[in-house]
Amino acid sequence: MIKLTSVESSDRIPLEEAKEAMQDINSYVNEVKRDHEMQQLVAAIEKSITALEMVCLLLSLFLMAGCAKKIGQTSSSCKVL
């Protein structure tokens, strides 16, 4: 529709803004879907490891042995539970 709308048209800018908004929504939905799929994969791996003493796996937090550290965190400090 944008391609068929002339550059001088007053409808052009709202169409471009709507397109950008739809792309943002699409990116967000895809990100949430990937996160959900990753959580399912981690849960399946967690179930397959019988000797694992895991407390919780929640989003990007990996909790084990009373210490919570955000994945990708470079500092050596962690939040003690």
PDB file of N, CA and C in Angstrom:
ATOM      1  N   MET A   1       0.821  -1.180   0.000  1.00  0.00           N
ATOM      2  CA  MET A   1       0.000   0.000   0.000  1.00  0.00           C
ATOM      3  C   MET A   1       0.874   1.256   0.000  1.00  0.00           C
ATOM      4  N   ILE A   2       1.986   1.198   0.735  1.00  0.00           N
ATOM      5  CA  ILE A   2       2.885   2.354   0.778  1.00  0.00           C
ATOM      6  C   ILE A   2       3.471   2.623  -0.597  1.00  0.00           C
ATOM      7  N   LYS A   3       3.822   1.555  -1.301  1.00  0.00           N
ATOM      8  CA  LYS A   3       4.404   1.716  -2.635  1.00  0.00           C
ATOM      9  C   LYS A   3       3.440   2.403  -3.596  1.00  0.00           C
ATOM     10  N   LEU A   4       2.155   2.186  -3.391  1.00  0.00           N
ATOM     11  CA  LEU A   4       1.148   2.766  -4.273  1.00  0.00           C
ATOM     12  C   LEU A   4       0.711   4.164  -3.839  1.00  0.00           C
ATOM     13  N   THR A   5       1.168   4.615  -2.680  1.00  0.00           N
ATOM     14  CA  THR A   5       0.817   5.942  -2.174  1.00  0.00           C
ATOM     15  C   THR A   5       1.929   6.917  -2.542  1.00  0.00           C
ATOM     16  N   SER A   6       1.549   8.019  -3.148  1.00  0.00           N
ATOM     17  CA  SER A   6       2.564   8.988  -3.583  1.00  0.00           C
ATOM     18  C   SER A   6       3.259   9.618  -2.374  1.00  0.00           C
ATOM     19  N   VAL A   7       4.477  10.052  -2.592  1.00  0.00           N
ATOM     20  CA  VAL A   7       5.282  10.656  -1.533  1.00  0.00           C
ATOM     21  C   VAL A   7       4.634  11.937  -1.018  1.00  0.00           C
ATOM     22  N   GLU A   8       3.941  12.652  -1.875  1.00  0.00           N
ATOM     23  CA  GLU A   8       3.302  13.915  -1.494  1.00  0.00           C
ATOM     24  C   GLU A   8       1.983  13.713  -0.748  1.00  0.00           C
ATOM     25  N   SER A   9       1.437  12.524  -0.764  1.00  0.00           N
ATOM     26  CA  SER A   9       0.136  12.266  -0.152  1.00  0.00           C
ATOM     27  C   SER A   9       0.203  12.427   1.367  1.00  0.00           C
ATOM     28  N   SER A  10      -0.889  12.961   1.930  1.00  0.00           N
ATOM     29  CA  SER A  10      -0.961  13.125   3.387  1.00  0.00           C
ATOM     30  C   SER A  10      -1.110  11.771   4.095  1.00  0.00           C
ATOM     31  N   ASP A  11      -1.449  10.737   3.345  1.00  0.00           N
ATOM     32  CA  ASP A  11      -1.599   9.398   3.921  1.00  0.00           C
ATOM     33  C   ASP A  11      -0.271   8.649   4.029  1.00  0.00           C
ATOM     34  N   ARG A  12       0.747   9.138   3.391  1.00  0.00           N
ATOM     35  CA  ARG A  12       2.030   8.424   3.322  1.00  0.00           C
ATOM     36  C   ARG A  12       2.678   8.263   4.702  1.00  0.00           C
ATOM     37  N   ILE A  13       2.777   9.331   5.462  1.00  0.00           N
ATOM     38  CA  ILE A  13       3.445   9.276   6.772  1.00  0.00           C
ATOM     39  C   ILE A  13       2.711   8.346   7.742  1.00  0.00           C
ATOM     40  N   PRO A  14       1.377   8.448   7.879  1.00  0.00           N
ATOM     41  CA  PRO A  14       0.694   7.502   8.772  1.00  0.00           C
ATOM     42  C   PRO A  14       0.861   6.038   8.335  1.00  0.00           C
ATOM     43  N   LEU A  15       0.904   5.802   7.029  1.00  0.00           N
ATOM     44  CA  LEU A  15       1.121   4.436   6.546  1.00  0.00           C
ATOM     45  C   LEU A  15       2.512   3.929   6.923  1.00  0.00           C
ATOM     46  N   GLU A  16       3.508   4.780   6.781  1.00  0.00           N
ATOM     47  CA  GLU A  16       4.871   4.388   7.149  1.00  0.00           C
ATOM     48  C   GLU A  16       4.987   4.150   8.654  1.00  0.00           C
ATOM     49  N   GLU A  17       4.308   4.983   9.451  1.00  0.00           N
ATOM     50  CA  GLU A  17       4.316   4.800  10.904  1.00  0.00           C
ATOM     51  C   GLU A  17       3.616   3.500  11.287  1.00  0.00           C
ATOM     52  N   ALA A  18       2.516   3.197  10.610  1.00  0.00           N
ATOM     53  CA  ALA A  18       1.796   1.950  10.878  1.00  0.00           C
ATOM     54  C   ALA A  18       2.655   0.744  10.512  1.00  0.00           C
ATOM     55  N   LYS A  19       3.363   0.846   9.401  1.00  0.00           N
ATOM     56  CA  LYS A  19       4.253  -0.245   8.989  1.00  0.00           C
ATOM     57  C   LYS A  19       5.340  -0.472  10.032  1.00  0.00           C
ATOM     58  N   GLU A  20       5.928   0.610  10.519  1.00  0.00           N
ATOM     59  CA  GLU A  20       6.976   0.502  11.535  1.00  0.00           C
ATOM     60  C   GLU A  20       6.423  -0.111  12.825  1.00  0.00           C
ATOM     61  N   ALA A  21       5.212   0.296  13.210  1.00  0.00           N
ATOM     62  CA  ALA A  21       4.587  -0.256  14.415  1.00  0.00           C
ATOM     63  C   ALA A  21       4.332  -1.752  14.249  1.00  0.00           C
ATOM     64  N   MET A  22       3.869  -2.160  13.079  1.00  0.00           N
ATOM     65  CA  MET A  22       3.628  -3.586  12.824  1.00  0.00           C
ATOM     66  C   MET A  22       4.932  -4.377  12.859  1.00  0.00           C
ATOM     67  N   GLN A  23       6.005  -3.800  12.342  1.00  0.00           N
ATOM     68  CA  GLN A  23       7.301  -4.478  12.379  1.00  0.00           C
ATOM     69  C   GLN A  23       7.799  -4.626  13.814  1.00  0.00           C
ATOM     70  N   ASP A  24       7.581  -3.597  14.635  1.00  0.00           N
ATOM     71  CA  ASP A  24       7.970  -3.667  16.045  1.00  0.00           C
ATOM     72  C   ASP A  24       7.188  -4.761  16.769  1.00  0.00           C
ATOM     73  N   ILE A  25       5.887  -4.821  16.518  1.00  0.00           N
ATOM     74  CA  ILE A  25       5.042  -5.844  17.142  1.00  0.00           C
ATOM     75  C   ILE A  25       5.486  -7.229  16.697  1.00  0.00           C
ATOM     76  N   ASN A  26       5.761  -7.377  15.412  1.00  0.00           N
ATOM     77  CA  ASN A  26       6.210  -8.659  14.879  1.00  0.00           C
ATOM     78  C   ASN A  26       7.523  -9.093  15.534  1.00  0.00           C
ATOM     79  N   SER A  27       8.442  -8.166  15.692  1.00  0.00           N
ATOM     80  CA  SER A  27       9.723  -8.477  16.340  1.00  0.00           C
ATOM     81  C   SER A  27       9.504  -8.906  17.786  1.00  0.00           C
ATOM     82  N   TYR A  28       8.622  -8.207  18.481  1.00  0.00           N
ATOM     83  CA  TYR A  28       8.339  -8.538  19.878  1.00  0.00           C
ATOM     84  C   TYR A  28       7.719  -9.929  19.996  1.00  0.00           C
ATOM     85  N   VAL A  29       6.741 -10.224  19.145  1.00  0.00           N
ATOM     86  CA  VAL A  29       6.084 -11.536  19.174  1.00  0.00           C
ATOM     87  C   VAL A  29       7.103 -12.640  18.897  1.00  0.00           C
ATOM     88  N   ASN A  30       7.966 -12.426  17.922  1.00  0.00           N
ATOM     89  CA  ASN A  30       8.990 -13.424  17.610  1.00  0.00           C
ATOM     90  C   ASN A  30       9.948 -13.630  18.777  1.00  0.00           C
ATOM     91  N   GLU A  31      10.313 -12.548  19.447  1.00  0.00           N
ATOM     92  CA  GLU A  31      11.211 -12.643  20.597  1.00  0.00           C
ATOM     93  C   GLU A  31      10.562 -13.426  21.735  1.00  0.00           C
ATOM     94  N   VAL A  32       9.292 -13.148  22.008  1.00  0.00           N
ATOM     95  CA  VAL A  32       8.577 -13.862  23.066  1.00  0.00           C
ATOM     96  C   VAL A  32       8.461 -15.342  22.716  1.00  0.00           C
ATOM     97  N   LYS A  33       8.190 -15.625  21.450  1.00  0.00           N
ATOM     98  CA  LYS A  33       8.086 -17.020  21.010  1.00  0.00           C
ATOM     99  C   LYS A  33       9.425 -17.742  21.182  1.00  0.00           C
ATOM    100  N   ARG A  34      10.531 -17.089  20.795  1.00  0.00           N
ATOM    101  CA  ARG A  34      11.858 -17.695  20.970  1.00  0.00           C
ATOM    102  C   ARG A  34      12.157 -17.937  22.450  1.00  0.00           C
ATOM    103  N   ASP A  35      11.815 -16.969  23.301  1.00  0.00           N
ATOM    104  CA  ASP A  35      12.030 -17.132  24.743  1.00  0.00           C
ATOM    105  C   ASP A  35      11.253 -18.330  25.275  1.00  0.00           C
ATOM    106  N   HIS A  36      10.004 -18.455  24.849  1.00  0.00           N
ATOM    107  CA  HIS A  36       9.166 -19.568  25.295  1.00  0.00           C
ATOM    108  C   HIS A  36       9.742 -20.905  24.829  1.00  0.00           C
ATOM    109  N   GLU A  37      10.166 -20.964  23.574  1.00  0.00           N
ATOM    110  CA  GLU A  37      10.763 -22.194  23.051  1.00  0.00           C
ATOM    111  C   GLU A  37      12.039 -22.546  23.808  1.00  0.00           C
ATOM    112  N   MET A  38      12.833 -21.542  24.150  1.00  0.00           N
ATOM    113  CA  MET A  38      14.062 -21.782  24.901  1.00  0.00           C
ATOM    114  C   MET A  38      13.743 -22.288  26.306  1.00  0.00           C
ATOM    115  N   GLN A  39      12.720 -21.736  26.936  1.00  0.00           N
ATOM    116  CA  GLN A  39      12.316 -22.202  28.261  1.00  0.00           C
ATOM    117  C   GLN A  39      11.862 -23.654  28.205  1.00  0.00           C
ATOM    118  N   GLN A  40      11.129 -24.021  27.151  1.00  0.00           N
ATOM    119  CA  GLN A  40      10.693 -25.406  26.993  1.00  0.00           C
ATOM    120  C   GLN A  40      11.890 -26.334  26.806  1.00  0.00           C
ATOM    121  N   LEU A  41      12.858 -25.907  26.015  1.00  0.00           N
ATOM    122  CA  LEU A  41      14.058 -26.709  25.786  1.00  0.00           C
ATOM    123  C   LEU A  41      14.834 -26.904  27.082  1.00  0.00           C
ATOM    124  N   VAL A  42      15.012 -25.836  27.832  1.00  0.00           N
ATOM    125  CA  VAL A  42      15.739 -25.925  29.098  1.00  0.00           C
ATOM    126  C   VAL A  42      14.986 -26.822  30.073  1.00  0.00           C
ATOM    127  N   ALA A  43      13.667 -26.724  30.106  1.00  0.00           N
ATOM    128  CA  ALA A  43      12.871 -27.581  30.988  1.00  0.00           C
ATOM    129  C   ALA A  43      13.029 -29.047  30.602  1.00  0.00           C
ATOM    130  N   ALA A  44      13.055 -29.339  29.306  1.00  0.00           N
ATOM    131  CA  ALA A  44      13.237 -30.720  28.847  1.00  0.00           C
ATOM    132  C   ALA A  44      14.622 -31.235  29.230  1.00  0.00           C
ATOM    133  N   ILE A  45      15.635 -30.403  29.071  1.00  0.00           N
ATOM    134  CA  ILE A  45      16.997 -30.800  29.457  1.00  0.00           C
ATOM    135  C   ILE A  45      17.070 -31.001  30.965  1.00  0.00           C
ATOM    136  N   GLU A  46      16.431 -30.092  31.693  1.00  0.00           N
ATOM    137  CA  GLU A  46      16.413 -30.178  33.154  1.00  0.00           C
ATOM    138  C   GLU A  46      15.784 -31.498  33.606  1.00  0.00           C
ATOM    139  N   LYS A  47      14.693 -31.901  32.970  1.00  0.00           N
ATOM    140  CA  LYS A  47      14.025 -33.160  33.320  1.00  0.00           C
ATOM    141  C   LYS A  47      14.898 -34.365  32.995  1.00  0.00           C
ATOM    142  N   SER A  48      15.709 -34.253  31.952  1.00  0.00           N
ATOM    143  CA  SER A  48      16.519 -35.397  31.533  1.00  0.00           C
ATOM    144  C   SER A  48      17.740 -35.618  32.424  1.00  0.00           C
ATOM    145  N   ILE A  49      18.115 -34.633  33.217  1.00  0.00           N
ATOM    146  CA  ILE A  49      19.267 -34.763  34.116  1.00  0.00           C
ATOM    147  C   ILE A  49      18.733 -35.153  35.488  1.00  0.00           C
ATOM    148  N   THR A  50      18.838 -36.431  35.814  1.00  0.00           N
ATOM    149  CA  THR A  50      18.206 -36.937  37.031  1.00  0.00           C
ATOM    150  C   THR A  50      18.923 -36.519  38.308  1.00  0.00           C
ATOM    151  N   ALA A  51      20.232 -36.326  38.269  1.00  0.00           N
ATOM    152  CA  ALA A  51      20.985 -36.000  39.480  1.00  0.00           C
ATOM    153  C   ALA A  51      21.129 -34.495  39.698  1.00  0.00           C
ATOM    154  N   LEU A  52      20.439 -33.698  38.915  1.00  0.00           N
ATOM    155  CA  LEU A  52      20.569 -32.249  39.021  1.00  0.00           C
ATOM    156  C   LEU A  52      19.769 -31.729  40.204  1.00  0.00           C
ATOM    157  N   GLU A  53      20.428 -30.964  41.076  1.00  0.00           N
ATOM    158  CA  GLU A  53      19.748 -30.363  42.218  1.00  0.00           C
ATOM    159  C   GLU A  53      19.438 -28.915  41.883  1.00  0.00           C
ATOM    160  N   MET A  54      18.479 -28.694  41.030  1.00  0.00           N
ATOM    161  CA  MET A  54      18.157 -27.345  40.571  1.00  0.00           C
ATOM    162  C   MET A  54      16.983 -26.800  41.372  1.00  0.00           C
ATOM    163  N   VAL A  55      17.122 -25.563  41.776  1.00  0.00           N
ATOM    164  CA  VAL A  55      16.067 -24.907  42.530  1.00  0.00           C
ATOM    165  C   VAL A  55      15.032 -24.324  41.580  1.00  0.00           C
ATOM    166  N   CYS A  56      15.489 -23.590  40.586  1.00  0.00           N
ATOM    167  CA  CYS A  56      14.556 -22.872  39.732  1.00  0.00           C
ATOM    168  C   CYS A  56      15.262 -22.394  38.475  1.00  0.00           C
ATOM    169  N   LEU A  57      14.510 -22.360  37.387  1.00  0.00           N
ATOM    170  CA  LEU A  57      15.014 -21.731  36.179  1.00  0.00           C
ATOM    171  C   LEU A  57      13.917 -20.791  35.724  1.00  0.00           C
ATOM    172  N   LEU A  58      14.197 -19.501  35.737  1.00  0.00           N
ATOM    173  CA  LEU A  58      13.182 -18.512  35.424  1.00  0.00           C
ATOM    174  C   LEU A  58      13.771 -17.450  34.517  1.00  0.00           C
ATOM    175  N   LEU A  59      13.283 -17.405  33.294  1.00  0.00           N
ATOM    176  CA  LEU A  59      13.746 -16.461  32.290  1.00  0.00           C
ATOM    177  C   LEU A  59      15.264 -16.477  32.196  1.00  0.00           C
ATOM    178  N   SER A  60      15.926 -15.376  32.488  1.00  0.00           N
ATOM    179  CA  SER A  60      17.377 -15.343  32.339  1.00  0.00           C
ATOM    180  C   SER A  60      18.102 -15.580  33.660  1.00  0.00           C
ATOM    181  N   LEU A  61      17.374 -15.975  34.684  1.00  0.00           N
ATOM    182  CA  LEU A  61      18.017 -16.246  35.965  1.00  0.00           C
ATOM    183  C   LEU A  61      18.243 -17.740  36.125  1.00  0.00           C
ATOM    184  N   PHE A  62      19.420 -18.108  36.514  1.00  0.00           N
ATOM    185  CA  PHE A  62      19.753 -19.495  36.763  1.00  0.00           C
ATOM    186  C   PHE A  62      20.093 -19.607  38.236  1.00  0.00           C
ATOM    187  N   LEU A  63      19.248 -20.302  38.992  1.00  0.00           N
ATOM    188  CA  LEU A  63      19.424 -20.394  40.432  1.00  0.00           C
ATOM    189  C   LEU A  63      19.944 -21.777  40.782  1.00  0.00           C
ATOM    190  N   MET A  64      21.055 -21.828  41.485  1.00  0.00           N
ATOM    191  CA  MET A  64      21.609 -23.108  41.881  1.00  0.00           C
ATOM    192  C   MET A  64      22.476 -22.891  43.111  1.00  0.00           C
ATOM    193  N   ALA A  65      22.354 -23.754  44.069  1.00  0.00           N
ATOM    194  CA  ALA A  65      23.165 -23.718  45.286  1.00  0.00           C
ATOM    195  C   ALA A  65      23.047 -22.387  46.026  1.00  0.00           C
ATOM    196  N   GLY A  66      21.875 -21.773  45.997  1.00  0.00           N
ATOM    197  CA  GLY A  66      21.636 -20.566  46.765  1.00  0.00           C
ATOM    198  C   GLY A  66      22.194 -19.288  46.186  1.00  0.00           C
ATOM    199  N   CYS A  67      22.614 -19.295  44.952  1.00  0.00           N
ATOM    200  CA  CYS A  67      23.203 -18.114  44.340  1.00  0.00           C
ATOM    201  C   CYS A  67      22.478 -17.824  43.031  1.00  0.00           C
ATOM    202  N   ALA A  68      22.044 -16.577  42.856  1.00  0.00           N
ATOM    203  CA  ALA A  68      21.353 -16.192  41.622  1.00  0.00           C
ATOM    204  C   ALA A  68      22.243 -15.236  40.856  1.00  0.00           C
ATOM    205  N   LYS A  69      22.512 -15.571  39.616  1.00  0.00           N
ATOM    206  CA  LYS A  69      23.369 -14.730  38.788  1.00  0.00           C
ATOM    207  C   LYS A  69      22.722 -14.617  37.421  1.00  0.00           C
ATOM    208  N   LYS A  70      22.597 -13.409  36.926  1.00  0.00           N
ATOM    209  CA  LYS A  70      21.990 -13.190  35.625  1.00  0.00           C
ATOM    210  C   LYS A  70      22.943 -13.683  34.543  1.00  0.00           C
ATOM    211  N   ILE A  71      22.407 -14.424  33.583  1.00  0.00           N
ATOM    212  CA  ILE A  71      23.218 -14.947  32.496  1.00  0.00           C
ATOM    213  C   ILE A  71      23.835 -13.787  31.738  1.00  0.00           C
ATOM    214  N   GLY A  72      25.115 -13.896  31.442  1.00  0.00           N
ATOM    215  CA  GLY A  72      25.815 -12.843  30.732  1.00  0.00           C
ATOM    216  C   GLY A  72      26.431 -11.796  31.648  1.00  0.00           C
ATOM    217  N   GLN A  73      26.158 -11.885  32.934  1.00  0.00           N
ATOM    218  CA  GLN A  73      26.704 -10.932  33.906  1.00  0.00           C
ATOM    219  C   GLN A  73      28.203 -11.164  34.033  1.00  0.00           C
ATOM    220  N   THR A  74      28.986 -10.099  33.954  1.00  0.00           N
ATOM    221  CA  THR A  74      30.442 -10.241  33.994  1.00  0.00           C
ATOM    222  C   THR A  74      31.016 -10.148  35.399  1.00  0.00           C
ATOM    223  N   SER A  75      30.316  -9.511  36.317  1.00  0.00           N
ATOM    224  CA  SER A  75      30.854  -9.382  37.673  1.00  0.00           C
ATOM    225  C   SER A  75      30.765 -10.721  38.397  1.00  0.00           C
ATOM    226  N   SER A  76      31.628 -10.903  39.375  1.00  0.00           N
ATOM    227  CA  SER A  76      31.658 -12.170  40.103  1.00  0.00           C
ATOM    228  C   SER A  76      30.636 -12.211  41.233  1.00  0.00           C
ATOM    229  N   SER A  77      30.010 -11.091  41.540  1.00  0.00           N
ATOM    230  CA  SER A  77      29.046 -11.066  42.629  1.00  0.00           C
ATOM    231  C   SER A  77      27.731 -11.701  42.200  1.00  0.00           C
ATOM    232  N   CYS A  78      27.028 -12.247  43.172  1.00  0.00           N
ATOM    233  CA  CYS A  78      25.721 -12.822  42.885  1.00  0.00           C
ATOM    234  C   CYS A  78      24.802 -12.553  44.063  1.00  0.00           C
ATOM    235  N   LYS A  79      23.520 -12.677  43.820  1.00  0.00           N
ATOM    236  CA  LYS A  79      22.521 -12.454  44.855  1.00  0.00           C
ATOM    237  C   LYS A  79      22.320 -13.766  45.601  1.00  0.00           C
ATOM    238  N   VAL A  80      22.580 -13.760  46.889  1.00  0.00           N
ATOM    239  CA  VAL A  80      22.418 -14.963  47.695  1.00  0.00           C
ATOM    240  C   VAL A  80      20.967 -15.064  48.110  1.00  0.00           C
ATOM    241  N   LEU A  81      20.415 -16.246  47.935  1.00  0.00           N
ATOM    242  CA  LEU A  81      19.002 -16.464  48.266  1.00  0.00           C
ATOM    243  C   LEU A  81      18.838 -16.908  49.691  1.00  0.00           C
TER     244      LEU A  81
END
